[in-house]
C-alpha cells in the first residue's frame, strides 16, 4: 500500500467535474476552453433541419455554389450554440441556475464545413443577486475563433449562478 492508497475499509475521495460557482469566478479573467470542436457537414445539416431553418445557404450545395461564398455555410445558430457549449464544462456545468439573456451577438466571419471552433470567455462583470441571496449574476463575453484564429462569433451572455455550498449567502 502506498501513501495515496485509501486506508483499508475507506473509500477514496471522489471528485465530480463541475463548473465554477459564482464566488470562484474571477472578474476580468479570460477562461480558455478546450478541446475545440470540428464542425462537419452532417452537424450543419442535422442542426439546420432539426430547427426547421430551411435557408438554402445551409442545405443546398448547388444553390450555395452560386453565392459569394461558393459553398454552404454553417448555420450561425449552431455556431452560437457551440460557442456557449464549449464553455460549459469549465464554467457552468452544474453551477448555473439560468441563462438570463444574450446581447450583442455577432458573426464577423462565416464558419464552413471542416472548420474547428475554439472558444474563450471573459468574466466581464459579476454581482450578488439582490433578490436571491445564494446566487449571483455573471456577465460572460464569449469569443469563438476558427483554426486560423479568425473571430467567427462573439456574444455577451448574462447568467444566474449558484454560490458555493457553505458560503452562507453572505457577501
Protein backbone atom coordinates (compact mmCIF):
# COMPACT_ATOMS: atom_id res chain seq x y z
CA UNK A 1 0.00 0.00 0.00
CA UNK A 2 1.27 3.47 -0.91
CA UNK A 3 0.52 6.80 0.77
CA UNK A 4 -2.01 7.51 -1.98
CA UNK A 5 -3.99 4.30 -1.46
CA UNK A 6 -7.03 4.66 0.79
CA UNK A 7 -6.84 3.16 4.24
CA UNK A 8 -8.37 -0.32 4.45
CA UNK A 9 -12.14 -0.01 4.79
CA UNK A 10 -12.24 3.59 3.48
CA UNK A 11 -13.24 4.91 0.10
CA UNK A 12 -11.05 7.23 -1.95
CA UNK A 13 -12.13 10.87 -2.13
CA UNK A 14 -14.47 11.34 -5.11
CA UNK A 15 -14.21 14.47 -7.23
CA UNK A 16 -17.05 15.35 -9.55
CA UNK A 17 -16.43 17.53 -12.60
CA UNK A 18 -18.31 20.80 -12.37
CA UNK A 19 -18.23 24.40 -13.44
CA UNK A 20 -17.28 27.26 -11.20
CA UNK A 21 -19.53 28.70 -8.54
CA UNK A 22 -20.24 32.44 -8.57
CA UNK A 23 -17.72 33.13 -5.82
CA UNK A 24 -15.00 31.14 -7.63
CA UNK A 25 -15.21 33.22 -10.82
CA UNK A 26 -12.62 35.91 -11.22
CA UNK A 27 -13.91 39.12 -12.75
CA UNK A 28 -11.62 40.21 -15.59
CA UNK A 29 -10.17 36.73 -16.12
CA UNK A 30 -10.29 35.03 -19.52
CA UNK A 31 -11.04 31.31 -19.44
CA UNK A 32 -9.74 29.37 -22.45
CA UNK A 33 -11.87 26.34 -23.29
CA UNK A 34 -10.55 23.06 -24.65
CA UNK A 35 -10.83 20.99 -26.67
CA UNK A 36 -12.03 22.68 -29.84
CA UNK A 37 -14.87 21.32 -31.97
CA UNK A 38 -14.52 20.49 -35.67
CA UNK A 39 -17.80 21.15 -37.48
CA UNK A 40 -18.91 18.63 -40.08
CA UNK A 41 -21.43 18.88 -42.89
CA UNK A 42 -23.56 16.34 -41.01
CA UNK A 43 -23.59 18.61 -37.92
CA UNK A 44 -24.78 21.53 -40.01
CA UNK A 45 -27.48 19.63 -41.89
CA UNK A 46 -28.80 17.94 -38.74
CA UNK A 47 -28.95 21.16 -36.71
CA UNK A 48 -30.47 23.10 -39.59
CA UNK A 49 -33.20 20.55 -40.24
CA UNK A 50 -33.91 19.93 -36.53
CA UNK A 51 -34.52 23.66 -36.07
CA UNK A 52 -36.62 23.96 -39.26
CA UNK A 53 -34.25 26.54 -40.76
CA UNK A 54 -34.70 25.85 -44.47
CA UNK A 55 -32.24 28.53 -45.59
CA UNK A 56 -30.66 27.27 -48.83
CA UNK A 57 -27.28 28.65 -47.77
CA UNK A 58 -27.11 25.85 -45.19
CA UNK A 59 -28.74 22.99 -47.08
CA UNK A 60 -28.38 23.38 -50.85
CA UNK A 61 -24.82 22.89 -52.15
CA UNK A 62 -25.78 23.67 -55.76
CA UNK A 63 -27.54 26.90 -54.82
CA UNK A 64 -24.75 27.88 -52.40
CA UNK A 65 -22.15 27.40 -55.12
CA UNK A 66 -23.66 30.42 -56.86
CA UNK A 67 -23.27 32.70 -53.83
CA UNK A 68 -20.27 34.84 -52.95
CA UNK A 69 -19.20 32.05 -50.58
CA UNK A 70 -19.22 29.33 -53.25
CA UNK A 71 -20.33 26.65 -50.78
CA UNK A 72 -22.80 26.05 -47.94
CA UNK A 73 -22.11 27.85 -44.68
CA UNK A 74 -22.65 26.55 -41.16
CA UNK A 75 -25.86 27.78 -39.55
CA UNK A 76 -24.95 30.72 -37.30
CA UNK A 77 -27.23 29.42 -34.53
CA UNK A 78 -25.15 26.21 -34.49
CA UNK A 79 -22.06 28.41 -34.19
CA UNK A 80 -23.57 30.32 -31.25
CA UNK A 81 -24.72 27.13 -29.53
CA UNK A 82 -21.28 25.57 -29.94
CA UNK A 83 -19.57 28.71 -28.65
CA UNK A 84 -21.60 28.58 -25.45
CA UNK A 85 -21.38 24.78 -25.26
CA UNK A 86 -17.57 24.87 -25.36
CA UNK A 87 -17.63 26.90 -22.13
CA UNK A 88 -19.98 24.68 -20.13
CA UNK A 89 -17.58 22.11 -18.66
CA UNK A 90 -15.21 24.78 -17.38
CA UNK A 91 -17.65 27.45 -16.23
CA UNK A 92 -21.26 26.39 -15.68
CA UNK A 93 -21.61 22.58 -15.51
CA UNK A 94 -23.92 22.03 -12.55
CA UNK A 95 -23.44 25.54 -11.17
CA UNK A 96 -25.71 27.63 -13.41
CA UNK A 97 -29.27 28.42 -12.36
CA UNK A 98 -30.41 30.02 -15.64
CA UNK A 99 -29.43 31.93 -18.73
CA UNK A 100 -30.87 35.42 -18.28
CA UNK A 101 -30.20 36.68 -21.79
CA UNK A 102 -27.89 37.25 -24.71
CA UNK A 103 -26.87 40.59 -26.21
CA UNK A 104 -24.51 41.92 -28.83
CA UNK A 105 -24.30 38.62 -30.71
CA UNK A 106 -22.37 38.91 -33.97
CA UNK A 107 -20.77 36.66 -36.58
CA UNK A 108 -17.86 38.59 -38.13
CA UNK A 109 -16.75 35.71 -40.38
CA UNK A 110 -18.51 32.60 -41.73
CA UNK A 111 -17.96 29.06 -40.49
CA UNK A 112 -17.50 26.38 -43.14
CA UNK A 113 -17.71 22.60 -43.02
CA UNK A 114 -14.41 21.31 -41.64
CA UNK A 115 -13.62 24.40 -39.58
CA UNK A 116 -12.60 23.84 -35.97
CA UNK A 117 -14.06 26.20 -33.39
CA UNK A 118 -12.13 27.30 -30.32
CA UNK A 119 -13.64 29.42 -27.56
CA UNK A 120 -12.70 31.64 -24.69
CA UNK A 121 -14.77 33.55 -22.17
CA UNK A 122 -14.11 36.78 -20.31
CA UNK A 123 -15.89 37.18 -16.99
CA UNK A 124 -16.80 40.81 -17.67
CA UNK A 125 -18.81 41.53 -14.54
CA UNK A 126 -20.40 39.82 -11.58
CA UNK A 127 -22.63 40.87 -8.73
CA UNK A 128 -24.62 39.22 -5.98
CA UNK A 129 -28.31 38.84 -6.75
CA UNK A 130 -30.45 41.37 -4.90
CA UNK A 131 -33.46 39.03 -4.77
CA UNK A 132 -31.72 35.65 -4.37
CA UNK A 133 -29.13 35.65 -1.57
CA UNK A 134 -27.50 32.34 -2.58
CA UNK A 135 -26.98 33.34 -6.21
CA UNK A 136 -25.17 35.87 -8.32
CA UNK A 137 -25.38 37.37 -11.80
CA UNK A 138 -22.38 36.92 -14.10
CA UNK A 139 -21.86 38.60 -17.47
CA UNK A 140 -19.80 36.46 -19.84
CA UNK A 141 -18.24 37.72 -23.05
CA UNK A 142 -17.75 34.67 -25.27
CA UNK A 143 -15.50 34.63 -28.36
CA UNK A 144 -15.16 31.84 -30.95
CA UNK A 145 -12.27 31.59 -33.37
CA UNK A 146 -11.64 29.14 -36.18
CA UNK A 147 -8.46 27.14 -36.68
CA UNK A 148 -6.83 30.18 -38.34
CA UNK A 149 -7.52 32.44 -35.35
CA UNK A 150 -10.26 34.36 -37.17
CA UNK A 151 -13.07 35.51 -34.90
CA UNK A 152 -16.27 33.86 -36.14
CA UNK A 153 -18.68 34.67 -33.29
CA UNK A 154 -18.96 36.86 -30.21
CA UNK A 155 -21.74 37.07 -27.65
CA UNK A 156 -22.45 38.69 -24.33
CA UNK A 157 -24.42 36.43 -22.01
CA UNK A 158 -25.95 37.12 -18.62
CA UNK A 159 -26.36 34.15 -16.27
CA UNK A 160 -27.67 33.45 -12.81
CA UNK A 161 -25.11 31.33 -10.94
CA UNK A 162 -25.12 29.44 -7.66
CA UNK A 163 -22.83 30.44 -4.81
CA UNK A 164 -20.64 27.67 -3.48
CA UNK A 165 -22.12 25.41 -0.80
CA UNK A 166 -21.26 26.66 2.63
CA UNK A 167 -20.82 30.26 1.53
CA UNK A 168 -23.93 31.04 3.59
CA UNK A 169 -25.11 33.66 1.18
CA UNK A 170 -23.13 36.36 2.99
CA UNK A 171 -21.20 38.92 0.94
